[in-house]
Amino acid sequence: MLVRVASTLIVVFWLGTTGWLLKTLYFNEEDRFEPIAVEEAIGTFFRSNDTTNLTVLENGVKIGQMVVGGLEGVDPRTRKMTRGLTSSGTLDEPESSALNGFTWRLNANFSDSNEPKDLEATLRLPQQDLNLHFELNGDPPQVGARVTIGEATIFETGELSADDLGEALSGKGNGMSSRSANPIPMLLPGLSSPAGKSILADANSMMPKLEASKGFLEVAGRPLPVFLLKIRFGDGTIGEPIRLYLSEAGEPLRIDTGWGFEAVAEVLIPVEISEADARRP
């Protein structure tokens, strides 16, 4: 009897403390944040020269994992300072979900003034046997994209200027393969504004606009100094900004999309919560 009572008390204590931790982590307001120069925050991330494992959540439920890394060094070819961003991940949605097994890989390089130099991204949806490959490089930027389902290529561009990408996506551009219809609105509906205009149709909208601040978040009852980067695309009227919280050492602690998906550093999530896919209290 005593063993049963003790076990019950342990479970209740575990649930209570875990729920309190998650509530503290996820629901604390952004108070006492002071604006700072973007370089102060983003420079810390690149100079960390490290990678961070994060747990991907949808409305508080674990659905996958990802790795994010930043690096800074001298390009041996140009002898100029360069910065790099890497990200990869997998979603472990239920088998019935169209996103089950979804994977991505991203590599991007920037100048020391954070101007984008080149970018390469690969996305895969195994349920549809769909693959998307996207590249941006050169000065002025040249864009290439390819979408396949199985062995069939359903969308393909040549080397396009960023300004011509919108025409390619609408099916009017000369750089698009004649085999292609425009699958982008169907495959990537989230890249359209309420007016129906693709975010990718405007070269300027592809470049993120950054806003930085510094303050404290309470984690496990203690104030943790953090940087906050708000990332906006387009004119800033399309949805919420992506919020990236960084430790003082440049480690990504949390990435909040503002539309239900977020990624949290594994060091901030109890192992039991990760395994149980527990919901927010």
C-alpha atoms as a PDB file:
ATOM      1  CA  MET A   1       0.000   0.000   0.000  1.00  0.00           C
ATOM      2  CA  LEU A   2       2.773   2.412   0.925  1.00  0.00           C
ATOM      3  CA  VAL A   3       4.598   1.563  -2.293  1.00  0.00           C
ATOM      4  CA  ARG A   4       1.458   2.340  -4.324  1.00  0.00           C
ATOM      5  CA  VAL A   5       0.941   5.668  -2.532  1.00  0.00           C
ATOM      6  CA  ALA A   6       4.593   6.591  -2.978  1.00  0.00           C
ATOM      7  CA  SER A   7       4.434   5.722  -6.687  1.00  0.00           C
ATOM      8  CA  THR A   8       1.320   7.863  -7.113  1.00  0.00           C
ATOM      9  CA  LEU A   9       2.960  10.822  -5.390  1.00  0.00           C
ATOM     10  CA  ILE A  10       6.051  10.485  -7.586  1.00  0.00           C
ATOM     11  CA  VAL A  11       3.930  10.469 -10.767  1.00  0.00           C
ATOM     12  CA  VAL A  12       1.903  13.485  -9.607  1.00  0.00           C
ATOM     13  CA  PHE A  13       5.090  15.367  -8.715  1.00  0.00           C
ATOM     14  CA  TRP A  14       6.667  14.511 -12.086  1.00  0.00           C
ATOM     15  CA  LEU A  15       3.612  15.649 -14.029  1.00  0.00           C
ATOM     16  CA  GLY A  16       3.350  18.845 -12.016  1.00  0.00           C
ATOM     17  CA  THR A  17       6.978  19.876 -12.320  1.00  0.00           C
ATOM     18  CA  THR A  18       7.153  18.936 -16.011  1.00  0.00           C
ATOM     19  CA  GLY A  19       3.990  20.892 -16.782  1.00  0.00           C
ATOM     20  CA  TRP A  20       5.346  23.885 -14.880  1.00  0.00           C
ATOM     21  CA  LEU A  21       8.610  23.703 -16.810  1.00  0.00           C
ATOM     22  CA  LEU A  22       6.877  23.636 -20.174  1.00  0.00           C
ATOM     23  CA  LYS A  23       4.525  26.443 -19.187  1.00  0.00           C
ATOM     24  CA  THR A  24       7.481  28.526 -18.049  1.00  0.00           C
ATOM     25  CA  LEU A  25       9.398  27.755 -21.218  1.00  0.00           C
ATOM     26  CA  TYR A  26       6.644  28.351 -23.746  1.00  0.00           C
ATOM     27  CA  PHE A  27       4.358  30.980 -22.283  1.00  0.00           C
ATOM     28  CA  ASN A  28       6.706  33.560 -20.824  1.00  0.00           C
ATOM     29  CA  GLU A  29       6.250  36.989 -22.423  1.00  0.00           C
ATOM     30  CA  GLU A  30       9.031  38.909 -24.136  1.00  0.00           C
ATOM     31  CA  ASP A  31       9.580  41.411 -21.378  1.00  0.00           C
ATOM     32  CA  ARG A  32      12.544  43.659 -20.786  1.00  0.00           C
ATOM     33  CA  PHE A  33      13.889  43.200 -24.306  1.00  0.00           C
ATOM     34  CA  GLU A  34      16.035  46.081 -25.537  1.00  0.00           C
ATOM     35  CA  PRO A  35      16.722  46.707 -29.252  1.00  0.00           C
ATOM     36  CA  ILE A  36      20.302  46.006 -30.334  1.00  0.00           C
ATOM     37  CA  ALA A  37      22.265  45.916 -33.585  1.00  0.00           C
ATOM     38  CA  VAL A  38      21.477  42.827 -35.648  1.00  0.00           C
ATOM     39  CA  GLU A  39      25.179  41.995 -35.910  1.00  0.00           C
ATOM     40  CA  GLU A  40      25.496  41.667 -32.140  1.00  0.00           C
ATOM     41  CA  ALA A  41      23.052  38.759 -32.165  1.00  0.00           C
ATOM     42  CA  ILE A  42      23.609  37.087 -35.507  1.00  0.00           C
ATOM     43  CA  GLY A  43      27.385  37.443 -35.291  1.00  0.00           C
ATOM     44  CA  THR A  44      27.345  35.436 -32.072  1.00  0.00           C
ATOM     45  CA  PHE A  45      25.507  32.632 -33.861  1.00  0.00           C
ATOM     46  CA  PHE A  46      27.965  32.404 -36.753  1.00  0.00           C
ATOM     47  CA  ARG A  47      31.037  32.684 -34.532  1.00  0.00           C
ATOM     48  CA  SER A  48      29.825  29.782 -32.402  1.00  0.00           C
ATOM     49  CA  ASN A  49      31.072  27.390 -35.118  1.00  0.00           C
ATOM     50  CA  ASP A  50      28.839  24.701 -33.683  1.00  0.00           C
ATOM     51  CA  THR A  51      25.644  22.739 -34.320  1.00  0.00           C
ATOM     52  CA  THR A  52      22.579  22.377 -32.101  1.00  0.00           C
ATOM     53  CA  ASN A  53      20.012  19.579 -31.954  1.00  0.00           C
ATOM     54  CA  LEU A  54      16.411  20.745 -31.677  1.00  0.00           C
ATOM     55  CA  THR A  55      13.088  18.975 -31.229  1.00  0.00           C
ATOM     56  CA  VAL A  56      10.390  19.979 -33.728  1.00  0.00           C
ATOM     57  CA  LEU A  57       6.930  20.524 -32.220  1.00  0.00           C
ATOM     58  CA  GLU A  58       3.498  21.120 -33.703  1.00  0.00           C
ATOM     59  CA  ASN A  59       1.158  22.756 -31.202  1.00  0.00           C
ATOM     60  CA  GLY A  60       3.320  21.348 -28.410  1.00  0.00           C
ATOM     61  CA  VAL A  61       3.523  17.779 -29.744  1.00  0.00           C
ATOM     62  CA  LYS A  62       6.844  16.337 -30.883  1.00  0.00           C
ATOM     63  CA  ILE A  63       6.801  15.569 -34.618  1.00  0.00           C
ATOM     64  CA  GLY A  64      10.485  15.453 -35.537  1.00  0.00           C
ATOM     65  CA  GLN A  65      14.015  16.658 -35.028  1.00  0.00           C
ATOM     66  CA  MET A  66      16.432  19.038 -36.709  1.00  0.00           C
ATOM     67  CA  VAL A  67      20.011  20.264 -36.552  1.00  0.00           C
ATOM     68  CA  VAL A  68      21.063  23.901 -37.019  1.00  0.00           C
ATOM     69  CA  GLY A  69      24.633  25.114 -37.294  1.00  0.00           C
ATOM     70  CA  GLY A  70      26.534  28.352 -37.855  1.00  0.00           C
ATOM     71  CA  LEU A  71      30.150  28.882 -38.835  1.00  0.00           C
ATOM     72  CA  GLU A  72      32.529  31.693 -39.682  1.00  0.00           C
ATOM     73  CA  GLY A  73      35.914  31.543 -41.380  1.00  0.00           C
ATOM     74  CA  VAL A  74      38.094  32.658 -44.273  1.00  0.00           C
ATOM     75  CA  ASP A  75      37.262  31.352 -47.752  1.00  0.00           C
ATOM     76  CA  PRO A  76      40.572  29.894 -49.028  1.00  0.00           C
ATOM     77  CA  ARG A  77      39.647  30.781 -52.621  1.00  0.00           C
ATOM     78  CA  THR A  78      38.824  34.457 -52.088  1.00  0.00           C
ATOM     79  CA  ARG A  79      40.646  34.982 -48.769  1.00  0.00           C
ATOM     80  CA  LYS A  80      37.556  36.846 -47.586  1.00  0.00           C
ATOM     81  CA  MET A  81      35.572  36.241 -44.433  1.00  0.00           C
ATOM     82  CA  THR A  82      32.519  34.085 -45.034  1.00  0.00           C
ATOM     83  CA  ARG A  83      29.684  32.798 -42.891  1.00  0.00           C
ATOM     84  CA  GLY A  84      27.688  29.618 -43.240  1.00  0.00           C
ATOM     85  CA  LEU A  85      24.293  28.335 -42.146  1.00  0.00           C
ATOM     86  CA  THR A  86      23.378  24.649 -42.209  1.00  0.00           C
ATOM     87  CA  SER A  87      20.116  22.959 -41.326  1.00  0.00           C
ATOM     88  CA  SER A  88      18.695  19.484 -41.774  1.00  0.00           C
ATOM     89  CA  GLY A  89      15.821  17.596 -40.263  1.00  0.00           C
ATOM     90  CA  THR A  90      13.117  14.953 -40.437  1.00  0.00           C
ATOM     91  CA  LEU A  91       9.439  14.936 -39.502  1.00  0.00           C
ATOM     92  CA  ASP A  92       8.037  11.769 -37.930  1.00  0.00           C
ATOM     93  CA  GLU A  93       4.359  12.497 -38.457  1.00  0.00           C
ATOM     94  CA  PRO A  94       1.827   9.621 -38.300  1.00  0.00           C
ATOM     95  CA  GLU A  95       1.961   7.369 -41.363  1.00  0.00           C
ATOM     96  CA  SER A  96      -1.413   8.728 -42.471  1.00  0.00           C
ATOM     97  CA  SER A  97       0.027  12.246 -42.701  1.00  0.00           C
ATOM     98  CA  ALA A  98       1.296  13.629 -45.992  1.00  0.00           C
ATOM     99  CA  LEU A  99       4.327  14.981 -44.092  1.00  0.00           C
ATOM    100  CA  ASN A 100       5.401  11.600 -42.712  1.00  0.00           C
ATOM    101  CA  GLY A 101       9.118  11.175 -43.375  1.00  0.00           C
ATOM    102  CA  PHE A 102       9.505  14.721 -44.742  1.00  0.00           C
ATOM    103  CA  THR A 103      13.205  15.651 -44.793  1.00  0.00           C
ATOM    104  CA  TRP A 104      15.147  18.775 -45.679  1.00  0.00           C
ATOM    105  CA  ARG A 105      18.704  19.964 -46.007  1.00  0.00           C
ATOM    106  CA  LEU A 106      19.833  23.574 -46.319  1.00  0.00           C
ATOM    107  CA  ASN A 107      23.253  25.111 -46.869  1.00  0.00           C
ATOM    108  CA  ALA A 108      23.716  28.867 -47.210  1.00  0.00           C
ATOM    109  CA  ASN A 109      26.749  31.135 -47.295  1.00  0.00           C
ATOM    110  CA  PHE A 110      26.927  34.835 -46.467  1.00  0.00           C
ATOM    111  CA  SER A 111      29.486  37.618 -46.567  1.00  0.00           C
ATOM    112  CA  ASP A 112      30.779  39.090 -43.320  1.00  0.00           C
ATOM    113  CA  SER A 113      28.132  41.814 -43.775  1.00  0.00           C
ATOM    114  CA  ASN A 114      25.462  39.079 -43.899  1.00  0.00           C
ATOM    115  CA  GLU A 115      24.728  39.520 -47.604  1.00  0.00           C
ATOM    116  CA  PRO A 116      23.619  36.165 -49.089  1.00  0.00           C
ATOM    117  CA  LYS A 117      26.187  34.662 -51.480  1.00  0.00           C
ATOM    118  CA  ASP A 118      24.696  31.293 -52.314  1.00  0.00           C
ATOM    119  CA  LEU A 119      22.031  28.921 -51.081  1.00  0.00           C
ATOM    120  CA  GLU A 120      21.146  25.303 -51.768  1.00  0.00           C
ATOM    121  CA  ALA A 121      18.078  23.545 -50.392  1.00  0.00           C
ATOM    122  CA  THR A 122      16.696  20.043 -50.898  1.00  0.00           C
ATOM    123  CA  LEU A 123      13.261  18.896 -49.708  1.00  0.00           C
ATOM    124  CA  ARG A 124      11.776  15.408 -49.921  1.00  0.00           C
ATOM    125  CA  LEU A 125       8.227  14.129 -49.330  1.00  0.00           C
ATOM    126  CA  PRO A 126       8.483  10.322 -49.520  1.00  0.00           C
ATOM    127  CA  GLN A 127       4.715   9.789 -49.292  1.00  0.00           C
ATOM    128  CA  GLN A 128       4.373  11.515 -52.672  1.00  0.00           C
ATOM    129  CA  ASP A 129       7.844  10.473 -53.890  1.00  0.00           C
ATOM    130  CA  LEU A 130       8.381  14.205 -54.384  1.00  0.00           C
ATOM    131  CA  ASN A 131      11.750  15.951 -54.418  1.00  0.00           C
ATOM    132  CA  LEU A 132      12.464  19.677 -54.644  1.00  0.00           C
ATOM    133  CA  HIS A 133      15.905  21.165 -55.234  1.00  0.00           C
ATOM    134  CA  PHE A 134      16.528  24.917 -55.118  1.00  0.00           C
ATOM    135  CA  GLU A 135      19.728  26.891 -55.715  1.00  0.00           C
ATOM    136  CA  LEU A 136      20.607  30.570 -55.577  1.00  0.00           C
ATOM    137  CA  ASN A 137      24.094  31.836 -56.386  1.00  0.00           C
ATOM    138  CA  GLY A 138      26.096  34.407 -58.317  1.00  0.00           C
ATOM    139  CA  ASP A 139      26.112  38.187 -58.488  1.00  0.00           C
ATOM    140  CA  PRO A 140      23.534  39.223 -59.553  1.00  0.00           C
ATOM    141  CA  PRO A 141      21.759  36.221 -58.017  1.00  0.00           C
ATOM    142  CA  GLN A 142      20.817  33.394 -60.366  1.00  0.00           C
ATOM    143  CA  VAL A 143      18.087  30.977 -59.357  1.00  0.00           C
ATOM    144  CA  GLY A 144      17.583  27.347 -60.315  1.00  0.00           C
ATOM    145  CA  ALA A 145      14.822  25.000 -59.193  1.00  0.00           C
ATOM    146  CA  ARG A 146      13.738  21.460 -59.984  1.00  0.00           C
ATOM    147  CA  VAL A 147      10.743  19.446 -58.765  1.00  0.00           C
ATOM    148  CA  THR A 148      10.333  15.737 -59.476  1.00  0.00           C
ATOM    149  CA  ILE A 149       7.753  13.104 -58.619  1.00  0.00           C
ATOM    150  CA  GLY A 150       9.338   9.700 -59.008  1.00  0.00           C
ATOM    151  CA  GLU A 151      11.247   9.781 -62.284  1.00  0.00           C
ATOM    152  CA  ALA A 152       9.096  12.542 -63.773  1.00  0.00           C
ATOM    153  CA  THR A 153      10.256  16.164 -63.744  1.00  0.00           C
ATOM    154  CA  ILE A 154       7.215  18.371 -63.223  1.00  0.00           C
ATOM    155  CA  PHE A 155       8.984  21.712 -62.807  1.00  0.00           C
ATOM    156  CA  GLU A 156      12.437  22.837 -63.868  1.00  0.00           C
ATOM    157  CA  THR A 157      14.122  26.169 -64.474  1.00  0.00           C
ATOM    158  CA  GLY A 158      17.363  27.039 -66.110  1.00  0.00           C
ATOM    159  CA  GLU A 159      19.527  29.754 -64.611  1.00  0.00           C
ATOM    160  CA  LEU A 160      17.134  32.636 -63.951  1.00  0.00           C
ATOM    161  CA  SER A 161      17.649  36.017 -62.422  1.00  0.00           C
ATOM    162  CA  ALA A 162      15.811  36.409 -59.143  1.00  0.00           C
ATOM    163  CA  ASP A 163      13.536  38.982 -60.813  1.00  0.00           C
ATOM    164  CA  ASP A 164      12.520  36.442 -63.480  1.00  0.00           C
ATOM    165  CA  LEU A 165      11.675  33.720 -60.975  1.00  0.00           C
ATOM    166  CA  GLY A 166       8.112  34.990 -60.585  1.00  0.00           C
ATOM    167  CA  GLU A 167       7.473  34.517 -64.300  1.00  0.00           C
ATOM    168  CA  ALA A 168       8.844  30.991 -64.152  1.00  0.00           C
ATOM    169  CA  LEU A 169       6.567  30.128 -61.259  1.00  0.00           C
ATOM    170  CA  SER A 170       3.571  31.473 -63.162  1.00  0.00           C
ATOM    171  CA  GLY A 171       4.466  29.324 -66.177  1.00  0.00           C
ATOM    172  CA  LYS A 172       5.364  32.312 -68.369  1.00  0.00           C
ATOM    173  CA  GLY A 173       9.127  32.314 -68.023  1.00  0.00           C
ATOM    174  CA  ASN A 174      11.409  31.085 -70.812  1.00  0.00           C
ATOM    175  CA  GLY A 175      13.652  29.387 -68.296  1.00  0.00           C
ATOM    176  CA  MET A 176      11.060  26.806 -67.306  1.00  0.00           C
ATOM    177  CA  SER A 177      11.055  23.377 -68.877  1.00  0.00           C
ATOM    178  CA  SER A 178       8.284  22.820 -71.419  1.00  0.00           C
ATOM    179  CA  ARG A 179       7.503  19.574 -69.585  1.00  0.00           C
ATOM    180  CA  SER A 180       6.342  21.558 -66.597  1.00  0.00           C
ATOM    181  CA  ALA A 181       3.103  22.957 -65.408  1.00  0.00           C
ATOM    182  CA  ASN A 182       3.191  25.235 -62.391  1.00  0.00           C
ATOM    183  CA  PRO A 183       2.905  22.985 -59.319  1.00  0.00           C
ATOM    184  CA  ILE A 184       4.081  25.557 -56.799  1.00  0.00           C
ATOM    185  CA  PRO A 185       0.692  26.873 -55.596  1.00  0.00           C
ATOM    186  CA  MET A 186      -0.433  23.277 -55.066  1.00  0.00           C
ATOM    187  CA  LEU A 187       2.769  22.068 -53.391  1.00  0.00           C
ATOM    188  CA  LEU A 188       3.686  25.165 -51.416  1.00  0.00           C
ATOM    189  CA  PRO A 189       0.469  27.048 -50.641  1.00  0.00           C
ATOM    190  CA  GLY A 190       2.101  28.646 -47.613  1.00  0.00           C
ATOM    191  CA  LEU A 191       4.314  30.709 -49.898  1.00  0.00           C
ATOM    192  CA  SER A 192       1.387  32.805 -51.106  1.00  0.00           C
ATOM    193  CA  SER A 193       0.072  35.984 -49.599  1.00  0.00           C
ATOM    194  CA  PRO A 194      -3.644  36.474 -48.863  1.00  0.00           C
ATOM    195  CA  ALA A 195      -3.875  38.242 -52.224  1.00  0.00           C
ATOM    196  CA  GLY A 196      -2.591  35.112 -53.934  1.00  0.00           C
ATOM    197  CA  LYS A 197       0.794  36.534 -54.890  1.00  0.00           C
ATOM    198  CA  SER A 198       3.686  34.146 -54.426  1.00  0.00           C
ATOM    199  CA  ILE A 199       6.330  35.366 -51.996  1.00  0.00           C
ATOM    200  CA  LEU A 200       8.921  33.999 -54.410  1.00  0.00           C
ATOM    201  CA  ALA A 201       7.548  36.119 -57.259  1.00  0.00           C
ATOM    202  CA  ASP A 202       9.403  39.192 -55.994  1.00  0.00           C
ATOM    203  CA  ALA A 203      13.178  39.047 -55.605  1.00  0.00           C
ATOM    204  CA  ASN A 204      13.139  41.558 -52.765  1.00  0.00           C
ATOM    205  CA  SER A 205      10.713  39.435 -50.766  1.00  0.00           C
ATOM    206  CA  MET A 206      13.183  36.544 -50.781  1.00  0.00           C
ATOM    207  CA  MET A 207      15.632  38.525 -48.671  1.00  0.00           C
ATOM    208  CA  PRO A 208      14.862  38.357 -44.942  1.00  0.00           C
ATOM    209  CA  LYS A 209      14.551  41.513 -42.894  1.00  0.00           C
ATOM    210  CA  LEU A 210      16.036  41.173 -39.421  1.00  0.00           C
ATOM    211  CA  GLU A 211      15.306  42.866 -36.121  1.00  0.00           C
ATOM    212  CA  ALA A 212      17.322  42.088 -32.976  1.00  0.00           C
ATOM    213  CA  SER A 213      16.880  42.627 -29.264  1.00  0.00           C
ATOM    214  CA  LYS A 214      18.347  41.342 -26.012  1.00  0.00           C
ATOM    215  CA  GLY A 215      16.619  40.434 -22.776  1.00  0.00           C
ATOM    216  CA  PHE A 216      15.735  37.640 -20.404  1.00  0.00           C
ATOM    217  CA  LEU A 217      13.483  34.598 -20.507  1.00  0.00           C
ATOM    218  CA  GLU A 218      12.612  32.601 -17.442  1.00  0.00           C
ATOM    219  CA  VAL A 219      13.566  28.945 -17.812  1.00  0.00           C
ATOM    220  CA  ALA A 220      13.049  26.634 -14.845  1.00  0.00           C
ATOM    221  CA  GLY A 221      12.426  29.675 -12.669  1.00  0.00           C
ATOM    222  CA  ARG A 222      15.675  31.429 -13.494  1.00  0.00           C
ATOM    223  CA  PRO A 223      16.270  34.404 -15.813  1.00  0.00           C
ATOM    224  CA  LEU A 224      18.250  33.348 -18.868  1.00  0.00           C
ATOM    225  CA  PRO A 225      19.913  36.112 -20.944  1.00  0.00           C
ATOM    226  CA  VAL A 226      19.055  35.639 -24.607  1.00  0.00           C
ATOM    227  CA  PHE A 227      19.168  37.326 -27.985  1.00  0.00           C
ATOM    228  CA  LEU A 228      15.939  37.518 -29.985  1.00  0.00           C
ATOM    229  CA  LEU A 229      16.052  37.727 -33.777  1.00  0.00           C
ATOM    230  CA  LYS A 230      12.793  38.472 -35.583  1.00  0.00           C
ATOM    231  CA  ILE A 231      12.915  37.402 -39.227  1.00  0.00           C
ATOM    232  CA  ARG A 232      10.409  38.845 -41.687  1.00  0.00           C
ATOM    233  CA  PHE A 233       9.927  38.288 -45.400  1.00  0.00           C
ATOM    234  CA  GLY A 234       8.280  40.541 -47.945  1.00  0.00           C
ATOM    235  CA  ASP A 235       6.783  43.787 -46.698  1.00  0.00           C
ATOM    236  CA  GLY A 236       6.193  42.340 -43.233  1.00  0.00           C
ATOM    237  CA  THR A 237       2.428  42.029 -43.690  1.00  0.00           C
ATOM    238  CA  ILE A 238       2.440  38.297 -44.450  1.00  0.00           C
ATOM    239  CA  GLY A 239       1.969  36.404 -41.211  1.00  0.00           C
ATOM    240  CA  GLU A 240       3.995  36.578 -38.016  1.00  0.00           C
ATOM    241  CA  PRO A 241       7.776  36.982 -37.998  1.00  0.00           C
ATOM    242  CA  ILE A 242       9.880  33.927 -37.282  1.00  0.00           C
ATOM    243  CA  ARG A 243      11.385  34.304 -33.806  1.00  0.00           C
ATOM    244  CA  LEU A 244      14.834  32.881 -33.149  1.00  0.00           C
ATOM    245  CA  TYR A 245      16.045  32.851 -29.538  1.00  0.00           C
ATOM    246  CA  LEU A 246      19.811  32.515 -29.059  1.00  0.00           C
ATOM    247  CA  SER A 247      21.889  32.012 -25.949  1.00  0.00           C
ATOM    248  CA  GLU A 248      24.706  34.453 -25.234  1.00  0.00           C
ATOM    249  CA  ALA A 249      27.046  31.864 -26.763  1.00  0.00           C
ATOM    250  CA  GLY A 250      25.048  31.857 -30.019  1.00  0.00           C
ATOM    251  CA  GLU A 251      23.282  28.520 -29.458  1.00  0.00           C
ATOM    252  CA  PRO A 252      19.744  28.386 -30.926  1.00  0.00           C
ATOM    253  CA  LEU A 253      17.349  27.767 -28.035  1.00  0.00           C
ATOM    254  CA  ARG A 254      14.023  28.094 -29.760  1.00  0.00           C
ATOM    255  CA  ILE A 255      12.690  28.786 -33.263  1.00  0.00           C
ATOM    256  CA  ASP A 256       9.038  29.873 -33.319  1.00  0.00           C
ATOM    257  CA  THR A 257       7.313  30.160 -36.705  1.00  0.00           C
ATOM    258  CA  GLY A 258       4.202  31.793 -35.251  1.00  0.00           C
ATOM    259  CA  TRP A 259       1.880  29.333 -37.013  1.00  0.00           C
ATOM    260  CA  GLY A 260       1.981  26.278 -34.784  1.00  0.00           C
ATOM    261  CA  PHE A 261       5.406  24.865 -35.610  1.00  0.00           C
ATOM    262  CA  GLU A 262       8.460  25.451 -33.456  1.00  0.00           C
ATOM    263  CA  ALA A 263      11.803  23.886 -32.633  1.00  0.00           C
ATOM    264  CA  VAL A 264      13.262  23.799 -29.131  1.00  0.00           C
ATOM    265  CA  ALA A 265      16.797  22.867 -28.102  1.00  0.00           C
ATOM    266  CA  GLU A 266      16.828  19.349 -26.707  1.00  0.00           C
ATOM    267  CA  VAL A 267      18.716  20.492 -23.625  1.00  0.00           C
ATOM    268  CA  LEU A 268      15.595  22.435 -22.602  1.00  0.00           C
ATOM    269  CA  ILE A 269      13.165  19.531 -22.957  1.00  0.00           C
ATOM    270  CA  PRO A 270      13.097  16.673 -20.413  1.00  0.00           C
ATOM    271  CA  VAL A 271      13.902  13.300 -21.986  1.00  0.00           C
ATOM    272  CA  GLU A 272      10.611  11.898 -20.736  1.00  0.00           C
ATOM    273  CA  ILE A 273       8.673  14.636 -22.514  1.00  0.00           C
ATOM    274  CA  SER A 274      10.492  14.003 -25.787  1.00  0.00           C
ATOM    275  CA  GLU A 275       9.740  10.304 -25.618  1.00  0.00           C
ATOM    276  CA  ALA A 276       6.120  10.666 -24.558  1.00  0.00           C
ATOM    277  CA  ASP A 277       5.296  13.415 -27.095  1.00  0.00           C
ATOM    278  CA  ALA A 278       3.518  15.189 -24.279  1.00  0.00           C
ATOM    279  CA  ARG A 279       1.213  18.096 -24.975  1.00  0.00           C
ATOM    280  CA  ARG A 280       1.426  21.543 -23.445  1.00  0.00           C
ATOM    281  CA  PRO A 281      -0.440  21.897 -20.156  1.00  0.00           C
END
